[in-house]
Protein backbone atom coordinates (compact mmCIF):
# COMPACT_ATOMS: atom_id res chain seq x y z
CA MET A 1 -11.13 23.01 -17.31
CA ASN A 2 -12.66 23.35 -20.89
CA GLY A 3 -15.15 20.83 -22.21
CA GLU A 4 -18.71 19.90 -22.06
CA ALA A 5 -20.16 19.08 -18.63
CA ARG A 6 -21.01 15.41 -18.04
CA TRP A 7 -23.53 15.34 -15.15
CA HIS A 8 -24.12 12.00 -13.35
CA ASP A 9 -26.79 11.36 -10.73
CA LEU A 10 -25.11 9.99 -7.67
CA GLY A 11 -28.41 9.31 -5.72
CA PRO A 12 -30.59 10.69 -3.01
CA VAL A 13 -28.94 13.39 -0.77
CA ALA A 14 -30.46 12.12 2.26
CA GLU A 15 -28.94 8.65 1.79
CA LEU A 16 -25.45 9.81 0.67
CA ALA A 17 -25.24 12.23 3.69
CA LYS A 18 -25.30 9.18 6.00
CA HIS A 19 -21.60 8.45 5.02
CA ARG A 20 -18.79 10.76 5.96
CA LEU A 21 -16.58 9.07 3.29
CA ARG A 22 -17.26 6.48 0.66
CA GLN A 23 -15.76 5.20 -2.59
CA ILE A 24 -18.09 5.38 -5.67
CA ALA A 25 -17.31 3.84 -8.96
CA ILE A 26 -18.93 5.46 -12.13
CA GLY A 27 -17.76 3.21 -14.94
CA ARG A 28 -14.01 3.31 -14.65
CA THR A 29 -13.86 6.54 -12.74
CA LYS A 30 -13.42 6.31 -8.95
CA ILE A 31 -14.73 9.04 -6.75
CA ALA A 32 -14.04 9.69 -3.11
CA LEU A 33 -17.23 11.34 -1.92
CA THR A 34 -17.33 13.13 1.48
CA CYS A 35 -20.00 14.72 3.61
CA LYS A 36 -18.73 16.87 6.39
CA ASP A 37 -20.84 19.37 8.44
CA GLY A 38 -23.57 18.94 5.79
CA ARG A 39 -21.42 19.87 2.81
CA PHE A 40 -20.40 17.30 0.13
CA GLY A 41 -17.09 17.20 -1.55
CA ALA A 42 -15.84 14.97 -4.33
CA ILE A 43 -12.27 14.16 -5.39
CA SER A 44 -10.61 11.35 -7.35
CA GLY A 45 -10.80 8.00 -5.51
CA ALA A 46 -7.23 7.06 -6.58
CA CYS A 47 -4.27 8.19 -4.46
CA ASN A 48 -1.29 9.92 -6.18
CA HIS A 49 1.16 7.61 -4.44
CA ALA A 50 0.19 4.05 -5.48
CA GLY A 51 -3.41 4.48 -6.48
CA GLY A 52 -4.98 3.51 -3.13
CA PRO A 53 -8.83 3.80 -2.93
CA LEU A 54 -9.09 7.21 -1.08
CA GLY A 55 -12.85 6.73 -0.52
CA GLU A 56 -12.05 3.53 1.64
CA GLY A 57 -9.79 5.67 3.92
CA HIS A 58 -10.82 8.05 6.66
CA LEU A 59 -11.26 11.81 7.22
CA ASP A 60 -8.82 13.70 9.31
CA GLY A 61 -10.39 17.10 9.67
CA ASP A 62 -10.72 18.35 5.99
CA TYR A 63 -8.44 15.78 4.66
CA VAL A 64 -9.12 12.37 3.15
CA VAL A 65 -6.43 9.84 4.38
CA CYS A 66 -5.44 7.05 2.11
CA PRO A 67 -5.97 3.56 3.65
CA TRP A 68 -2.89 2.29 2.01
CA HIS A 69 0.02 4.54 2.95
CA HIS A 70 -1.67 7.52 4.64
CA TRP A 71 -1.25 10.24 2.06
CA LYS A 72 -3.76 13.10 2.60
CA PHE A 73 -5.87 15.24 0.13
CA HIS A 74 -8.26 17.99 0.88
CA CYS A 75 -11.82 16.57 0.68
CA SER A 76 -13.12 19.28 -1.74
CA THR A 77 -10.13 20.75 -3.51
CA GLY A 78 -8.11 17.59 -3.90
CA GLU A 79 -4.90 19.48 -2.73
CA GLY A 80 -2.23 17.69 -0.77
CA GLU A 81 -1.71 18.29 2.92
CA PRO A 82 0.06 21.59 4.02
CA GLY A 83 3.51 21.67 2.46
CA PHE A 84 2.41 19.41 -0.46
CA GLU A 85 -0.64 21.38 -1.84
CA LYS A 86 0.49 21.05 -5.43
CA ASP A 87 0.54 17.24 -5.05
CA CYS A 88 -3.12 17.04 -5.87
CA VAL A 89 -5.78 14.71 -7.18
CA PRO A 90 -8.65 15.84 -9.38
CA SER A 91 -11.68 17.54 -7.78
CA TYR A 92 -15.25 17.52 -9.17
CA GLU A 93 -18.13 19.86 -9.13
CA LEU A 94 -21.27 18.91 -7.32
CA ARG A 95 -24.87 20.21 -7.23
CA GLU A 96 -28.05 19.32 -5.36
CA GLU A 97 -31.32 19.20 -7.32
CA ASP A 98 -34.67 17.88 -6.20
CA GLY A 99 -33.19 16.04 -3.31
CA ARG A 100 -30.52 14.26 -5.44
CA LEU A 101 -26.81 14.83 -5.66
CA TRP A 102 -25.18 15.30 -9.08
CA ILE A 103 -21.51 15.14 -10.15
CA ASN A 104 -19.89 16.68 -13.29
CA LEU A 105 -17.49 13.97 -14.35
CA LEU A 106 -15.42 16.41 -16.11
CA PRO A 107 -13.01 17.37 -13.29
CA VAL A 108 -12.53 20.93 -12.13
CA THR A 109 -8.88 20.48 -11.45
CA ARG A 110 -6.37 17.94 -12.93
CA ARG A 111 -4.14 15.51 -11.19
CA ASN A 112 -0.60 16.73 -10.37
CA LYS A 113 2.15 14.52 -9.02
CA LEU A 114 5.16 16.27 -7.48
CA PRO A 115 8.43 14.55 -7.83
CA HIS A 116 9.38 12.77 -4.65
CA PRO A 117 12.89 11.61 -3.93
CA HIS A 118 13.23 7.87 -4.36
CA HIS A 119 14.21 5.70 -1.34
CA PRO A 120 17.88 4.63 -1.74
CA LEU A 121 16.85 1.01 -1.97
CA ALA A 122 14.81 1.79 -5.09
CA ARG A 123 17.90 2.45 -7.02
CA PRO A 124 18.57 0.12 -10.05
CA VAL A 125 20.10 -3.28 -8.94
CA ARG A 126 23.54 -3.40 -10.36
CA ARG A 127 26.28 -5.74 -9.31
CA GLU A 128 29.30 -3.54 -8.53
CA PRO A 129 32.79 -4.75 -9.42
CA GLY A 130 34.73 -6.71 -6.74
CA PRO A 131 35.19 -10.03 -5.16
CA ILE A 132 32.43 -12.46 -4.39
CA ARG A 133 30.26 -11.18 -1.54
CA VAL A 134 28.82 -13.45 1.04
CA LEU A 135 26.17 -12.35 3.44
CA GLY A 136 25.40 -14.41 6.56
CA ILE A 137 22.05 -13.84 8.27
CA SER A 138 21.67 -15.28 11.81
CA THR A 139 17.94 -15.63 12.79
CA THR A 140 18.52 -16.99 16.22
CA VAL A 141 16.70 -15.10 18.95
CA MET A 142 18.54 -13.92 21.96
CA ASP A 143 19.03 -10.89 24.27
CA PRO A 144 22.08 -8.91 22.82
CA ALA A 145 22.79 -7.65 26.30
CA PHE A 146 23.21 -11.18 27.58
CA PRO A 147 24.36 -13.27 24.58
CA ARG A 148 24.45 -17.07 24.60
CA TYR A 149 26.13 -19.68 22.49
CA SER A 150 24.07 -20.34 19.50
CA THR A 151 24.79 -23.56 17.52
CA SER A 152 23.43 -22.22 14.27
CA GLU A 153 25.20 -18.92 14.59
CA ALA A 154 28.53 -20.60 15.57
CA LEU A 155 28.32 -22.73 12.43
CA LEU A 156 27.39 -19.69 10.29
CA GLU A 157 30.50 -17.80 11.69
CA THR A 158 32.61 -20.79 10.69
CA ALA A 159 31.16 -20.66 7.20
CA LEU A 160 31.75 -16.99 6.73
CA ALA A 161 35.35 -17.24 7.98
CA ALA A 162 35.79 -20.05 5.36
CA ALA A 163 34.31 -17.88 2.64
CA GLY A 164 36.78 -15.06 3.56
CA GLU A 165 39.61 -17.42 3.20
CA THR A 166 38.62 -18.09 -0.42
CA GLY A 167 39.01 -14.28 -1.13
CA ALA A 168 35.34 -13.50 -0.81
CA GLU A 169 34.17 -10.48 1.24
CA ALA A 170 31.86 -11.75 4.04
CA ARG A 171 29.55 -9.90 6.45
CA CYS A 172 27.06 -11.11 9.11
CA LEU A 173 23.77 -9.63 10.05
CA ARG A 174 22.34 -10.84 13.37
CA LEU A 175 18.56 -10.29 13.25
CA SER A 176 18.46 -10.09 17.08
CA GLU A 177 20.48 -6.93 16.93
CA LEU A 178 18.13 -5.12 14.48
CA LYS A 179 15.07 -3.28 15.36
CA PHE A 180 12.38 -3.88 12.66
CA ARG A 181 8.66 -4.12 12.58
CA ALA A 182 6.65 -7.19 11.78
CA CYS A 183 4.92 -7.36 8.39
CA GLU A 184 1.64 -5.18 8.81
CA GLY A 185 -0.29 -6.77 5.90
CA TYR A 186 -0.15 -4.11 3.13
CA TYR A 187 -0.39 -7.01 0.68
CA SER A 188 -3.64 -7.97 2.42
CA LYS A 189 -5.07 -4.52 1.32
CA SER A 190 -3.89 -4.89 -2.26
CA ALA A 191 -1.03 -6.30 -4.13
CA HIS A 192 -0.25 -2.81 -5.26
CA ALA A 193 -0.17 -1.56 -1.68
CA CYS A 194 2.85 -3.85 -1.10
CA THR A 195 5.59 -1.74 -2.57
CA TRP A 196 9.37 -1.98 -3.17
CA PRO A 197 10.94 -1.02 -0.96
CA CYS A 198 8.63 -2.18 1.71
CA SER A 199 5.96 0.35 2.71
CA ILE A 200 7.21 0.26 6.32
CA THR A 201 10.71 0.86 5.35
CA GLN A 202 9.69 3.85 3.18
CA MET A 203 7.54 5.43 6.00
CA ASP A 204 9.71 4.51 9.07
CA PRO A 205 13.40 5.57 8.62
CA ALA A 206 14.19 3.89 11.95
CA ASP A 207 13.13 0.49 10.71
CA GLU A 208 16.32 -1.54 10.36
CA MET A 209 14.90 -4.08 8.03
CA ALA A 210 16.60 -1.78 5.34
CA GLU A 211 19.91 -3.49 6.33
CA VAL A 212 18.55 -6.81 5.24
CA TYR A 213 17.15 -5.47 1.94
CA GLU A 214 20.41 -3.71 1.08
CA GLY A 215 22.44 -6.85 1.85
CA ILE A 216 20.25 -9.36 0.04
CA VAL A 217 19.10 -7.22 -2.93
CA HIS A 218 22.05 -4.88 -3.69
CA TRP A 219 25.15 -6.40 -2.08
CA ALA A 220 25.42 -10.20 -1.70
CA ASP A 221 26.27 -12.78 -4.40
CA ALA A 222 25.70 -15.50 -1.90
CA ILE A 223 23.40 -15.68 1.15
CA LEU A 224 23.91 -17.98 4.03
CA VAL A 225 20.96 -18.24 6.43
CA GLY A 226 21.38 -19.88 9.88
CA THR A 227 18.40 -20.83 11.98
CA PRO A 228 17.64 -23.03 14.99
CA ILE A 229 14.63 -25.35 14.94
CA ARG A 230 11.82 -24.16 17.20
CA TRP A 231 8.82 -26.61 17.42
CA GLY A 232 9.58 -28.14 14.10
CA SER A 233 9.90 -24.78 12.36
CA ALA A 234 12.64 -22.18 11.64
CA SER A 235 13.05 -19.39 14.20
CA SER A 236 10.32 -16.72 14.79
CA LEU A 237 12.82 -14.07 13.61
CA TYR A 238 13.35 -15.98 10.38
CA TYR A 239 9.63 -15.79 9.76
CA LYS A 240 9.51 -12.10 10.74
CA MET A 241 12.16 -11.43 8.14
CA VAL A 242 10.77 -13.41 5.24
CA GLU A 243 7.30 -12.04 5.80
CA ARG A 244 8.88 -8.60 5.24
CA MET A 245 10.56 -9.89 2.19
CA ASN A 246 7.18 -10.54 0.43
CA CYS A 247 7.71 -7.17 -1.14
CA VAL A 248 10.67 -8.59 -3.14
CA GLN A 249 8.64 -11.45 -4.49
CA ASN A 250 5.67 -9.15 -5.13
CA GLN A 251 7.62 -7.13 -7.62
CA VAL A 252 7.71 -10.26 -9.70
CA THR A 253 3.95 -10.71 -9.45
CA ILE A 254 2.77 -7.14 -10.23
CA ARG A 255 5.62 -5.82 -12.38
CA ASN A 256 7.48 -8.84 -13.59
CA LYS A 257 10.53 -7.19 -12.13
CA VAL A 258 13.12 -9.74 -10.82
CA LEU A 259 15.16 -8.03 -8.08
CA LEU A 260 17.32 -11.07 -7.18
CA ARG A 261 19.38 -12.21 -10.13
CA ASN A 262 22.48 -14.51 -10.13
CA LYS A 263 22.24 -15.03 -6.40
CA VAL A 264 22.97 -18.13 -4.27
CA ALA A 265 21.35 -19.23 -1.05
CA ALA A 266 22.36 -21.94 1.31
CA PHE A 267 21.28 -22.78 4.82
CA ILE A 268 22.48 -23.90 8.24
CA ILE A 269 19.87 -25.57 10.47
CA THR A 270 20.34 -26.82 14.07
CA GLY A 271 18.14 -27.60 16.91
CA GLY A 272 17.34 -29.79 19.84
CA GLN A 273 14.31 -31.04 17.88
CA ASP A 274 13.90 -32.82 14.66
CA ASN A 275 12.08 -31.83 11.37
CA VAL A 276 15.22 -30.80 9.56
CA GLN A 277 13.87 -31.62 6.08
CA ALA A 278 10.66 -29.61 6.43
CA VAL A 279 12.57 -26.51 7.73
CA ALA A 280 15.03 -26.84 4.92
CA GLY A 281 12.18 -27.40 2.31
CA GLN A 282 10.41 -24.15 3.47
CA MET A 283 13.56 -22.14 3.35
CA MET A 284 14.57 -23.43 -0.07
CA GLY A 285 11.00 -22.90 -1.31
CA PHE A 286 11.04 -19.16 -0.11
CA PHE A 287 14.43 -18.31 -1.43
CA GLY A 288 13.81 -20.08 -4.65
CA GLU A 289 10.51 -18.20 -5.16
CA ILE A 290 12.39 -14.82 -4.80
CA GLY A 291 14.93 -15.79 -7.47
CA CYS A 292 17.89 -17.58 -5.75
CA LEU A 293 19.68 -20.66 -6.94
CA PHE A 294 21.26 -23.28 -4.75
CA PRO A 295 24.60 -25.07 -4.69
CA GLN A 296 24.79 -28.75 -4.63
CA PHE A 297 23.81 -30.00 -1.21
CA PRO A 298 22.43 -26.52 -0.21
CA TYR A 299 22.09 -27.08 3.53
CA ILE A 300 23.79 -28.67 6.53
CA ALA A 301 21.89 -29.60 9.65
CA HIS A 302 22.20 -31.09 13.13
CA SER A 303 19.61 -32.19 15.44
CA ARG A 304 19.62 -34.53 18.48
CA GLY A 305 16.09 -35.43 17.98
CA TRP A 306 12.79 -35.40 19.95
CA SER A 307 14.01 -37.24 22.94
CA ALA A 308 16.98 -35.04 23.72
CA GLU A 309 16.28 -32.22 26.29
CA ASP A 310 19.80 -32.01 27.63
CA MET A 311 20.65 -28.95 25.57
CA GLU A 312 24.03 -28.50 27.37
CA ARG A 313 25.26 -31.50 25.70
CA ASN A 314 23.95 -30.28 22.35
CA VAL A 315 25.99 -27.06 22.67
CA ALA A 316 29.05 -29.02 23.69
CA PHE A 317 28.55 -31.49 20.85
CA VAL A 318 28.50 -28.60 18.19
CA GLN A 319 31.35 -26.89 19.81
CA GLN A 320 33.50 -29.90 19.65
CA SER A 321 32.30 -31.33 16.38
CA GLU A 322 35.06 -30.80 13.77
CA SER A 323 32.95 -32.63 11.25
CA LEU A 324 30.15 -30.10 11.55
CA HIS A 325 32.46 -27.13 11.32
CA GLN A 326 34.16 -28.70 8.41
CA ALA A 327 30.74 -29.17 6.71
CA ALA A 328 29.94 -25.51 7.34
CA ARG A 329 33.26 -24.58 5.64
CA GLU A 330 32.55 -26.77 2.59
CA LEU A 331 29.02 -25.35 2.38
CA ALA A 332 30.46 -21.89 2.15
CA GLY A 333 32.76 -23.14 -0.54
CA ARG A 334 29.99 -24.57 -2.71
CA ALA A 335 28.02 -21.32 -2.31
CA VAL A 336 30.98 -19.27 -3.39
CA ALA A 337 31.82 -21.57 -6.31
CA THR A 338 28.27 -21.54 -7.55
CA ALA A 339 28.10 -17.62 -7.23
CA LYS A 340 31.27 -17.51 -9.47
CA VAL A 341 29.56 -19.64 -12.06
CA LEU A 342 26.41 -17.45 -12.02
CA LEU A 343 28.34 -14.22 -12.30
CA ALA A 344 30.38 -15.65 -15.28
CA THR A 345 27.23 -16.91 -17.11
CA GLU A 346 24.45 -14.48 -16.17
CA MET A 347 21.94 -17.29 -16.01
CA GLU A 348 18.97 -15.48 -14.30
CA PRO A 349 16.70 -13.26 -16.31
CA GLU A 350 15.41 -9.72 -15.44
CA LYS A 351 11.89 -10.94 -16.42
CA VAL A 352 10.19 -14.24 -16.31
CA ALA A 353 7.36 -15.95 -18.29
CA ARG A 354 4.16 -15.38 -16.15
CA GLY A 355 2.50 -18.67 -16.95
CA GLY A 356 2.41 -20.99 -13.90
CA ARG A 357 3.92 -18.23 -11.62
CA LYS A 358 2.24 -16.79 -8.54
CA GLY A 359 -0.45 -14.27 -9.53
CA ASN A 360 0.34 -14.95 -13.27
CA GLN A 361 -1.27 -12.68 -15.89
CA PRO A 362 -3.95 -11.88 -16.62
CA MET A 363 -4.87 -12.63 -12.98
CA ALA A 364 -2.67 -10.01 -11.50
CA PRO A 365 -4.62 -6.79 -10.77
CA GLU A 366 -4.11 -3.81 -12.96
CA SER A 367 -2.23 -0.90 -11.34
CA PRO A 368 -4.88 1.43 -9.90
CA ALA A 369 -2.70 4.37 -10.22
CA GLU A 370 -1.94 3.79 -13.95
CA MET A 371 -5.56 3.02 -14.59
CA ALA A 372 -6.66 6.29 -12.92
CA VAL A 373 -4.29 8.18 -15.08
CA GLN A 374 -5.44 6.47 -18.29
CA VAL A 375 -9.23 7.11 -17.49
CA GLU A 376 -8.53 10.93 -16.66
CA THR A 377 -6.43 11.19 -19.97
CA GLU A 378 -9.31 9.61 -22.02
CA ALA A 379 -11.81 11.94 -20.37
CA GLY A 380 -9.79 14.96 -21.50
């Protein structure tokens, strides 16, 4: 590259050689410095994918592995791994002088990002023409090979059947039949490491959480969630699902991008124990936070309370209770009616004022990928 060299003293060679890989910040420039077999290498510390800190990753042979999503770049040339060599990060010239290591901050090579196909879920969210669409999500846990009667799922099925009778299209997802990984804490690495679609979904084509994302974000107008009560909380599968849905809420936090617009959520809660209001409150809090609205009286519930351990009677009660099944039908009707109002009025915005919101600006961290490109552009 043309331009005047800008040498910077990194420090004593002996001290720097103690670390196989480290992240170094020089002003706004991030460097991933390696020392392998006594030889130093320096490349940009910002990954091409989402700006992950390459110097905080690990070495795999001659390649630096990003700690966020495991992209690889050669430790001295900055080239991508075999097959992706042209997908490269900047590399830097080094020299040793009087026991100290110096770096020329004018990169030897420039960053180059190859186009990568977008995940199908990353397509623009557009409501396609057609009838109201109602998605039921059963979060009850059971062995699909030996199914049992689930009170929450039974009422959910009644609600979906009633939605179909209104002319809506209705589908049911049973989480017990889907194979999907638990949230692995990409958000704990950085808000920008938690991507849309979910990092796991992008890297693991066998992960079936994609069906939930497709249904909630792209297909449904109304979402009916059924859960049992387990020790005063919603089911473990419910929490496994909503933890993976943090990527939906995180788009609002880091990009002010509202994925769920003009969507309705309602809930069916049953169990042998009490705590209905707390379970409903958590579910409404979460679905409200990702952008859903609620019909009047947004949940129905049934519980026989703390003292009842005769679950056979609980099952029989729900099976025989016409009032509960009628309540499920009416809940579906309210959800469909509210969805029609939303679609007719377009009430929900694509963006939302950040004051008072989770991670509101200017507290939300700047995109490390965008910052790296800006710094490199200014440096020439």
